[in-house]
């Protein structure tokens, strides 16, 4: 069998089918074994990089956006969207 030079080798990986869905904080917490408040605070303080936390002016509550691709890149977690999730997108 012919040897292949190291720079000619290629790795092919099948990536998940990302939809851009917003992964719920509770889902991320369960997948990572962390408390949901840990996830929320990590997003608010910016040390968790798989999403964003935004606090609107005049509000005391945060809104969170954690796209499925970014969650997968940072944690390795991915779940195929359900029919319900697909209808929302």
PDB file of N, CA and C in Angstrom:
ATOM      1  N   UNK A   1       0.834  -1.179   0.000  1.00  0.00           N
ATOM      2  CA  UNK A   1       0.000   0.000   0.000  1.00  0.00           C
ATOM      3  C   UNK A   1       0.884   1.250   0.000  1.00  0.00           C
ATOM      4  N   UNK A   2       0.479   2.247  -0.731  1.00  0.00           N
ATOM      5  CA  UNK A   2       1.233   3.477  -0.875  1.00  0.00           C
ATOM      6  C   UNK A   2       1.171   4.324   0.394  1.00  0.00           C
ATOM      7  N   UNK A   3       2.298   4.885   0.790  1.00  0.00           N
ATOM      8  CA  UNK A   3       2.304   5.779   1.948  1.00  0.00           C
ATOM      9  C   UNK A   3       1.856   7.166   1.508  1.00  0.00           C
ATOM     10  N   UNK A   4       1.107   7.822   2.394  1.00  0.00           N
ATOM     11  CA  UNK A   4       0.621   9.174   2.114  1.00  0.00           C
ATOM     12  C   UNK A   4       1.383  10.142   3.006  1.00  0.00           C
ATOM     13  N   UNK A   5       1.901  11.194   2.400  1.00  0.00           N
ATOM     14  CA  UNK A   5       2.625  12.209   3.169  1.00  0.00           C
ATOM     15  C   UNK A   5       1.692  12.839   4.196  1.00  0.00           C
ATOM     16  N   UNK A   6       2.253  13.225   5.333  1.00  0.00           N
ATOM     17  CA  UNK A   6       1.454  13.785   6.433  1.00  0.00           C
ATOM     18  C   UNK A   6       0.631  14.987   5.986  1.00  0.00           C
ATOM     19  N   UNK A   7       1.187  15.821   5.115  1.00  0.00           N
ATOM     20  CA  UNK A   7       0.451  17.009   4.686  1.00  0.00           C
ATOM     21  C   UNK A   7      -0.648  16.684   3.670  1.00  0.00           C
ATOM     22  N   UNK A   8      -0.706  15.455   3.178  1.00  0.00           N
ATOM     23  CA  UNK A   8      -1.742  15.051   2.229  1.00  0.00           C
ATOM     24  C   UNK A   8      -2.891  14.311   2.904  1.00  0.00           C
ATOM     25  N   UNK A   9      -2.744  13.984   4.167  1.00  0.00           N
ATOM     26  CA  UNK A   9      -3.811  13.284   4.884  1.00  0.00           C
ATOM     27  C   UNK A   9      -4.951  14.240   5.171  1.00  0.00           C
ATOM     28  N   UNK A  10      -6.145  13.712   5.095  1.00  0.00           N
ATOM     29  CA  UNK A  10      -7.324  14.519   5.384  1.00  0.00           C
ATOM     30  C   UNK A  10      -8.215  13.756   6.346  1.00  0.00           C
ATOM     31  N   UNK A  11      -8.863  14.493   7.190  1.00  0.00           N
ATOM     32  CA  UNK A  11      -9.808  13.901   8.124  1.00  0.00           C
ATOM     33  C   UNK A  11     -11.191  14.412   7.751  1.00  0.00           C
ATOM     34  N   UNK A  12     -12.101  13.491   7.583  1.00  0.00           N
ATOM     35  CA  UNK A  12     -13.470  13.862   7.264  1.00  0.00           C
ATOM     36  C   UNK A  12     -14.348  13.520   8.452  1.00  0.00           C
ATOM     37  N   UNK A  13     -15.096  14.505   8.893  1.00  0.00           N
ATOM     38  CA  UNK A  13     -15.972  14.328  10.038  1.00  0.00           C
ATOM     39  C   UNK A  13     -17.368  14.759   9.627  1.00  0.00           C
ATOM     40  N   UNK A  14     -18.339  13.954   9.995  1.00  0.00           N
ATOM     41  CA  UNK A  14     -19.719  14.336   9.726  1.00  0.00           C
ATOM     42  C   UNK A  14     -20.191  15.232  10.862  1.00  0.00           C
ATOM     43  N   UNK A  15     -20.525  16.454  10.533  1.00  0.00           N
ATOM     44  CA  UNK A  15     -20.968  17.414  11.540  1.00  0.00           C
ATOM     45  C   UNK A  15     -22.465  17.276  11.791  1.00  0.00           C
ATOM     46  N   UNK A  16     -22.902  17.652  12.981  1.00  0.00           N
ATOM     47  CA  UNK A  16     -24.343  17.647  13.247  1.00  0.00           C
ATOM     48  C   UNK A  16     -25.062  18.620  12.316  1.00  0.00           C
ATOM     49  N   UNK A  17     -26.354  18.421  12.165  1.00  0.00           N
ATOM     50  CA  UNK A  17     -27.166  19.295  11.322  1.00  0.00           C
ATOM     51  C   UNK A  17     -27.656  20.469  12.179  1.00  0.00           C
ATOM     52  N   UNK A  18     -26.903  21.549  12.164  1.00  0.00           N
ATOM     53  CA  UNK A  18     -27.234  22.713  12.971  1.00  0.00           C
ATOM     54  C   UNK A  18     -28.397  23.479  12.354  1.00  0.00           C
ATOM     55  N   UNK A  19     -29.254  24.003  13.212  1.00  0.00           N
ATOM     56  CA  UNK A  19     -30.407  24.777  12.746  1.00  0.00           C
ATOM     57  C   UNK A  19     -30.383  26.203  13.269  1.00  0.00           C
ATOM     58  N   UNK A  20     -29.485  26.480  14.211  1.00  0.00           N
ATOM     59  CA  UNK A  20     -29.460  27.798  14.833  1.00  0.00           C
ATOM     60  C   UNK A  20     -30.445  27.929  15.983  1.00  0.00           C
ATOM     61  N   UNK A  21     -31.025  26.794  16.372  1.00  0.00           N
ATOM     62  CA  UNK A  21     -32.019  26.862  17.455  1.00  0.00           C
ATOM     63  C   UNK A  21     -31.366  27.351  18.736  1.00  0.00           C
ATOM     64  N   UNK A  22     -32.147  28.005  19.554  1.00  0.00           N
ATOM     65  CA  UNK A  22     -31.696  28.491  20.852  1.00  0.00           C
ATOM     66  C   UNK A  22     -31.820  27.342  21.850  1.00  0.00           C
ATOM     67  N   UNK A  23     -30.694  26.834  22.324  1.00  0.00           N
ATOM     68  CA  UNK A  23     -30.694  25.722  23.279  1.00  0.00           C
ATOM     69  C   UNK A  23     -31.051  26.282  24.654  1.00  0.00           C
ATOM     70  N   UNK A  24     -32.006  25.657  25.306  1.00  0.00           N
ATOM     71  CA  UNK A  24     -32.480  26.133  26.605  1.00  0.00           C
ATOM     72  C   UNK A  24     -31.390  26.006  27.662  1.00  0.00           C
ATOM     73  N   UNK A  25     -31.390  26.951  28.590  1.00  0.00           N
ATOM     74  CA  UNK A  25     -30.433  26.935  29.702  1.00  0.00           C
ATOM     75  C   UNK A  25     -30.553  25.629  30.477  1.00  0.00           C
ATOM     76  N   UNK A  26     -31.771  25.179  30.733  1.00  0.00           N
ATOM     77  CA  UNK A  26     -31.980  23.933  31.490  1.00  0.00           C
ATOM     78  C   UNK A  26     -31.404  22.729  30.752  1.00  0.00           C
ATOM     79  N   UNK A  27     -31.485  22.730  29.438  1.00  0.00           N
ATOM     80  CA  UNK A  27     -30.941  21.640  28.620  1.00  0.00           C
ATOM     81  C   UNK A  27     -29.410  21.628  28.681  1.00  0.00           C
ATOM     82  N   UNK A  28     -28.808  22.803  28.594  1.00  0.00           N
ATOM     83  CA  UNK A  28     -27.347  22.910  28.680  1.00  0.00           C
ATOM     84  C   UNK A  28     -26.875  22.486  30.067  1.00  0.00           C
ATOM     85  N   UNK A  29     -27.596  22.918  31.096  1.00  0.00           N
ATOM     86  CA  UNK A  29     -27.230  22.570  32.473  1.00  0.00           C
ATOM     87  C   UNK A  29     -27.258  21.059  32.674  1.00  0.00           C
ATOM     88  N   UNK A  30     -28.299  20.420  32.189  1.00  0.00           N
ATOM     89  CA  UNK A  30     -28.423  18.963  32.327  1.00  0.00           C
ATOM     90  C   UNK A  30     -27.290  18.255  31.581  1.00  0.00           C
ATOM     91  N   UNK A  31     -26.995  18.720  30.367  1.00  0.00           N
ATOM     92  CA  UNK A  31     -25.961  18.081  29.544  1.00  0.00           C
ATOM     93  C   UNK A  31     -24.563  18.240  30.135  1.00  0.00           C
ATOM     94  N   UNK A  32     -24.326  19.345  30.817  1.00  0.00           N
ATOM     95  CA  UNK A  32     -22.993  19.609  31.364  1.00  0.00           C
ATOM     96  C   UNK A  32     -22.860  19.236  32.837  1.00  0.00           C
ATOM     97  N   UNK A  33     -23.982  18.895  33.462  1.00  0.00           N
ATOM     98  CA  UNK A  33     -23.946  18.543  34.882  1.00  0.00           C
ATOM     99  C   UNK A  33     -23.770  19.750  35.793  1.00  0.00           C
ATOM    100  N   UNK A  34     -24.113  20.916  35.291  1.00  0.00           N
ATOM    101  CA  UNK A  34     -24.005  22.155  36.076  1.00  0.00           C
ATOM    102  C   UNK A  34     -25.399  22.651  36.453  1.00  0.00           C
ATOM    103  N   UNK A  35     -25.452  23.484  37.471  1.00  0.00           N
ATOM    104  CA  UNK A  35     -26.699  24.106  37.889  1.00  0.00           C
ATOM    105  C   UNK A  35     -27.099  25.165  36.851  1.00  0.00           C
ATOM    106  N   UNK A  36     -28.395  25.305  36.555  1.00  0.00           N
ATOM    107  CA  UNK A  36     -28.815  26.334  35.595  1.00  0.00           C
ATOM    108  C   UNK A  36     -28.340  27.745  35.969  1.00  0.00           C
ATOM    109  N   UNK A  37     -28.287  28.045  37.267  1.00  0.00           N
ATOM    110  CA  UNK A  37     -27.804  29.372  37.684  1.00  0.00           C
ATOM    111  C   UNK A  37     -26.327  29.564  37.349  1.00  0.00           C
ATOM    112  N   UNK A  38     -25.546  28.500  37.418  1.00  0.00           N
ATOM    113  CA  UNK A  38     -24.135  28.565  37.023  1.00  0.00           C
ATOM    114  C   UNK A  38     -24.036  28.951  35.543  1.00  0.00           C
ATOM    115  N   UNK A  39     -24.866  28.327  34.714  1.00  0.00           N
ATOM    116  CA  UNK A  39     -24.868  28.622  33.274  1.00  0.00           C
ATOM    117  C   UNK A  39     -25.272  30.077  33.048  1.00  0.00           C
ATOM    118  N   UNK A  40     -26.352  30.513  33.692  1.00  0.00           N
ATOM    119  CA  UNK A  40     -26.815  31.897  33.524  1.00  0.00           C
ATOM    120  C   UNK A  40     -25.737  32.908  33.931  1.00  0.00           C
ATOM    121  N   UNK A  41     -25.157  32.719  35.107  1.00  0.00           N
ATOM    122  CA  UNK A  41     -24.136  33.653  35.599  1.00  0.00           C
ATOM    123  C   UNK A  41     -22.899  33.618  34.702  1.00  0.00           C
ATOM    124  N   UNK A  42     -22.521  32.437  34.249  1.00  0.00           N
ATOM    125  CA  UNK A  42     -21.381  32.319  33.336  1.00  0.00           C
ATOM    126  C   UNK A  42     -21.589  33.076  32.041  1.00  0.00           C
ATOM    127  N   UNK A  43     -22.808  33.044  31.523  1.00  0.00           N
ATOM    128  CA  UNK A  43     -23.123  33.799  30.307  1.00  0.00           C
ATOM    129  C   UNK A  43     -23.156  35.297  30.598  1.00  0.00           C
ATOM    130  N   UNK A  44     -23.736  35.670  31.736  1.00  0.00           N
ATOM    131  CA  UNK A  44     -23.798  37.090  32.109  1.00  0.00           C
ATOM    132  C   UNK A  44     -22.404  37.681  32.287  1.00  0.00           C
ATOM    133  N   UNK A  45     -21.514  36.934  32.918  1.00  0.00           N
ATOM    134  CA  UNK A  45     -20.163  37.431  33.188  1.00  0.00           C
ATOM    135  C   UNK A  45     -19.199  37.211  32.022  1.00  0.00           C
ATOM    136  N   UNK A  46     -19.627  36.442  31.031  1.00  0.00           N
ATOM    137  CA  UNK A  46     -18.825  36.257  29.826  1.00  0.00           C
ATOM    138  C   UNK A  46     -17.769  35.179  29.889  1.00  0.00           C
ATOM    139  N   UNK A  47     -17.738  34.371  30.954  1.00  0.00           N
ATOM    140  CA  UNK A  47     -16.724  33.315  30.984  1.00  0.00           C
ATOM    141  C   UNK A  47     -17.197  32.034  30.319  1.00  0.00           C
ATOM    142  N   UNK A  48     -18.482  31.910  30.035  1.00  0.00           N
ATOM    143  CA  UNK A  48     -18.981  30.827  29.181  1.00  0.00           C
ATOM    144  C   UNK A  48     -19.218  31.442  27.807  1.00  0.00           C
ATOM    145  N   UNK A  49     -18.630  30.848  26.791  1.00  0.00           N
ATOM    146  CA  UNK A  49     -18.573  31.472  25.465  1.00  0.00           C
ATOM    147  C   UNK A  49     -19.573  30.918  24.452  1.00  0.00           C
ATOM    148  N   UNK A  50     -20.500  30.067  24.883  1.00  0.00           N
ATOM    149  CA  UNK A  50     -21.408  29.446  23.914  1.00  0.00           C
ATOM    150  C   UNK A  50     -22.724  30.193  23.740  1.00  0.00           C
ATOM    151  N   UNK A  51     -22.818  31.381  24.284  1.00  0.00           N
ATOM    152  CA  UNK A  51     -24.052  32.145  24.140  1.00  0.00           C
ATOM    153  C   UNK A  51     -23.880  33.557  24.655  1.00  0.00           C
ATOM    154  N   UNK A  52     -24.995  34.276  24.643  1.00  0.00           N
ATOM    155  CA  UNK A  52     -24.984  35.651  25.123  1.00  0.00           C
ATOM    156  C   UNK A  52     -26.117  35.865  26.106  1.00  0.00           C
ATOM    157  N   UNK A  53     -25.896  36.798  27.022  1.00  0.00           N
ATOM    158  CA  UNK A  53     -26.910  37.221  27.982  1.00  0.00           C
ATOM    159  C   UNK A  53     -27.081  38.722  27.805  1.00  0.00           C
ATOM    160  N   UNK A  54     -28.323  39.137  27.594  1.00  0.00           N
ATOM    161  CA  UNK A  54     -28.592  40.554  27.375  1.00  0.00           C
ATOM    162  C   UNK A  54     -29.633  41.023  28.378  1.00  0.00           C
ATOM    163  N   UNK A  55     -29.332  42.141  29.016  1.00  0.00           N
ATOM    164  CA  UNK A  55     -30.267  42.764  29.950  1.00  0.00           C
ATOM    165  C   UNK A  55     -30.732  44.063  29.311  1.00  0.00           C
ATOM    166  N   UNK A  56     -32.009  44.145  29.050  1.00  0.00           N
ATOM    167  CA  UNK A  56     -32.561  45.333  28.412  1.00  0.00           C
ATOM    168  C   UNK A  56     -32.639  46.478  29.422  1.00  0.00           C
ATOM    169  N   UNK A  57     -32.480  47.686  28.941  1.00  0.00           N
ATOM    170  CA  UNK A  57     -32.564  48.870  29.789  1.00  0.00           C
ATOM    171  C   UNK A  57     -33.920  48.913  30.487  1.00  0.00           C
ATOM    172  N   UNK A  58     -33.893  49.144  31.782  1.00  0.00           N
ATOM    173  CA  UNK A  58     -35.126  49.238  32.554  1.00  0.00           C
ATOM    174  C   UNK A  58     -35.683  47.906  33.004  1.00  0.00           C
ATOM    175  N   UNK A  59     -35.020  46.818  32.655  1.00  0.00           N
ATOM    176  CA  UNK A  59     -35.484  45.488  33.042  1.00  0.00           C
ATOM    177  C   UNK A  59     -34.509  44.880  34.042  1.00  0.00           C
ATOM    178  N   UNK A  60     -35.038  44.013  34.892  1.00  0.00           N
ATOM    179  CA  UNK A  60     -34.163  43.317  35.843  1.00  0.00           C
ATOM    180  C   UNK A  60     -33.857  41.897  35.371  1.00  0.00           C
ATOM    181  N   UNK A  61     -34.454  41.489  34.252  1.00  0.00           N
ATOM    182  CA  UNK A  61     -34.280  40.128  33.740  1.00  0.00           C
ATOM    183  C   UNK A  61     -33.364  40.106  32.523  1.00  0.00           C
ATOM    184  N   UNK A  62     -32.674  38.983  32.362  1.00  0.00           N
ATOM    185  CA  UNK A  62     -31.800  38.761  31.212  1.00  0.00           C
ATOM    186  C   UNK A  62     -32.504  37.879  30.190  1.00  0.00           C
ATOM    187  N   UNK A  63     -32.148  38.068  28.939  1.00  0.00           N
ATOM    188  CA  UNK A  63     -32.544  37.161  27.863  1.00  0.00           C
ATOM    189  C   UNK A  63     -31.276  36.444  27.416  1.00  0.00           C
ATOM    190  N   UNK A  64     -31.414  35.155  27.081  1.00  0.00           N
ATOM    191  CA  UNK A  64     -30.253  34.340  26.721  1.00  0.00           C
ATOM    192  C   UNK A  64     -30.423  33.785  25.318  1.00  0.00           C
ATOM    193  N   UNK A  65     -29.319  33.775  24.573  1.00  0.00           N
ATOM    194  CA  UNK A  65     -29.315  33.137  23.263  1.00  0.00           C
ATOM    195  C   UNK A  65     -28.096  32.246  23.183  1.00  0.00           C
ATOM    196  N   UNK A  66     -28.346  30.944  23.024  1.00  0.00           N
ATOM    197  CA  UNK A  66     -27.284  29.940  22.942  1.00  0.00           C
ATOM    198  C   UNK A  66     -27.527  29.094  21.691  1.00  0.00           C
ATOM    199  N   UNK A  67     -26.974  29.497  20.543  1.00  0.00           N
ATOM    200  CA  UNK A  67     -27.203  28.742  19.311  1.00  0.00           C
ATOM    201  C   UNK A  67     -26.579  27.351  19.376  1.00  0.00           C
ATOM    202  N   UNK A  68     -27.286  26.387  18.793  1.00  0.00           N
ATOM    203  CA  UNK A  68     -26.867  24.981  18.891  1.00  0.00           C
ATOM    204  C   UNK A  68     -25.435  24.743  18.419  1.00  0.00           C
ATOM    205  N   UNK A  69     -25.003  25.425  17.371  1.00  0.00           N
ATOM    206  CA  UNK A  69     -23.644  25.207  16.860  1.00  0.00           C
ATOM    207  C   UNK A  69     -22.596  25.669  17.871  1.00  0.00           C
ATOM    208  N   UNK A  70     -22.801  26.821  18.471  1.00  0.00           N
ATOM    209  CA  UNK A  70     -21.843  27.354  19.440  1.00  0.00           C
ATOM    210  C   UNK A  70     -21.802  26.484  20.696  1.00  0.00           C
ATOM    211  N   UNK A  71     -22.966  25.994  21.144  1.00  0.00           N
ATOM    212  CA  UNK A  71     -23.012  25.094  22.303  1.00  0.00           C
ATOM    213  C   UNK A  71     -22.207  23.837  21.996  1.00  0.00           C
ATOM    214  N   UNK A  72     -22.383  23.281  20.797  1.00  0.00           N
ATOM    215  CA  UNK A  72     -21.648  22.074  20.395  1.00  0.00           C
ATOM    216  C   UNK A  72     -20.139  22.339  20.336  1.00  0.00           C
ATOM    217  N   UNK A  73     -19.755  23.475  19.745  1.00  0.00           N
ATOM    218  CA  UNK A  73     -18.328  23.801  19.628  1.00  0.00           C
ATOM    219  C   UNK A  73     -17.658  23.932  20.995  1.00  0.00           C
ATOM    220  N   UNK A  74     -18.356  24.489  21.958  1.00  0.00           N
ATOM    221  CA  UNK A  74     -17.767  24.752  23.277  1.00  0.00           C
ATOM    222  C   UNK A  74     -17.916  23.596  24.259  1.00  0.00           C
ATOM    223  N   UNK A  75     -18.992  22.800  24.119  1.00  0.00           N
ATOM    224  CA  UNK A  75     -19.258  21.744  25.110  1.00  0.00           C
ATOM    225  C   UNK A  75     -19.260  20.339  24.529  1.00  0.00           C
ATOM    226  N   UNK A  76     -19.445  20.225  23.212  1.00  0.00           N
ATOM    227  CA  UNK A  76     -19.568  18.906  22.590  1.00  0.00           C
ATOM    228  C   UNK A  76     -20.985  18.366  22.621  1.00  0.00           C
ATOM    229  N   UNK A  77     -21.916  19.125  23.193  1.00  0.00           N
ATOM    230  CA  UNK A  77     -23.311  18.679  23.299  1.00  0.00           C
ATOM    231  C   UNK A  77     -24.104  19.105  22.074  1.00  0.00           C
ATOM    232  N   UNK A  78     -24.865  18.163  21.519  1.00  0.00           N
ATOM    233  CA  UNK A  78     -25.791  18.461  20.427  1.00  0.00           C
ATOM    234  C   UNK A  78     -26.976  17.522  20.513  1.00  0.00           C
ATOM    235  N   UNK A  79     -28.146  18.056  20.282  1.00  0.00           N
ATOM    236  CA  UNK A  79     -29.372  17.267  20.235  1.00  0.00           C
ATOM    237  C   UNK A  79     -30.141  17.686  18.994  1.00  0.00           C
ATOM    238  N   UNK A  80     -30.561  16.688  18.228  1.00  0.00           N
ATOM    239  CA  UNK A  80     -31.376  16.987  17.049  1.00  0.00           C
ATOM    240  C   UNK A  80     -32.631  17.727  17.493  1.00  0.00           C
ATOM    241  N   UNK A  81     -33.034  18.755  16.762  1.00  0.00           N
ATOM    242  CA  UNK A  81     -34.249  19.471  17.146  1.00  0.00           C
ATOM    243  C   UNK A  81     -35.482  18.589  16.980  1.00  0.00           C
ATOM    244  N   UNK A  82     -36.422  18.748  17.888  1.00  0.00           N
ATOM    245  CA  UNK A  82     -37.680  18.008  17.782  1.00  0.00           C
ATOM    246  C   UNK A  82     -38.574  18.718  16.775  1.00  0.00           C
ATOM    247  N   UNK A  83     -39.693  18.091  16.436  1.00  0.00           N
ATOM    248  CA  UNK A  83     -40.647  18.724  15.524  1.00  0.00           C
ATOM    249  C   UNK A  83     -41.099  20.060  16.080  1.00  0.00           C
ATOM    250  N   UNK A  84     -41.323  20.107  17.392  1.00  0.00           N
ATOM    251  CA  UNK A  84     -41.757  21.342  18.047  1.00  0.00           C
ATOM    252  C   UNK A  84     -40.705  22.428  17.856  1.00  0.00           C
ATOM    253  N   UNK A  85     -39.429  22.091  18.040  1.00  0.00           N
ATOM    254  CA  UNK A  85     -38.347  23.055  17.860  1.00  0.00           C
ATOM    255  C   UNK A  85     -38.293  23.554  16.420  1.00  0.00           C
ATOM    256  N   UNK A  86     -38.495  22.666  15.464  1.00  0.00           N
ATOM    257  CA  UNK A  86     -38.422  23.038  14.052  1.00  0.00           C
ATOM    258  C   UNK A  86     -39.542  23.991  13.663  1.00  0.00           C
ATOM    259  N   UNK A  87     -40.711  23.853  14.289  1.00  0.00           N
ATOM    260  CA  UNK A  87     -41.825  24.751  13.984  1.00  0.00           C
ATOM    261  C   UNK A  87     -41.548  26.162  14.480  1.00  0.00           C
ATOM    262  N   UNK A  88     -40.794  26.286  15.557  1.00  0.00           N
ATOM    263  CA  UNK A  88     -40.504  27.588  16.153  1.00  0.00           C
ATOM    264  C   UNK A  88     -39.516  28.369  15.308  1.00  0.00           C
ATOM    265  N   UNK A  89     -38.595  27.684  14.666  1.00  0.00           N
ATOM    266  CA  UNK A  89     -37.512  28.341  13.910  1.00  0.00           C
ATOM    267  C   UNK A  89     -38.037  29.075  12.705  1.00  0.00           C
TER     268      UNK A  89
END
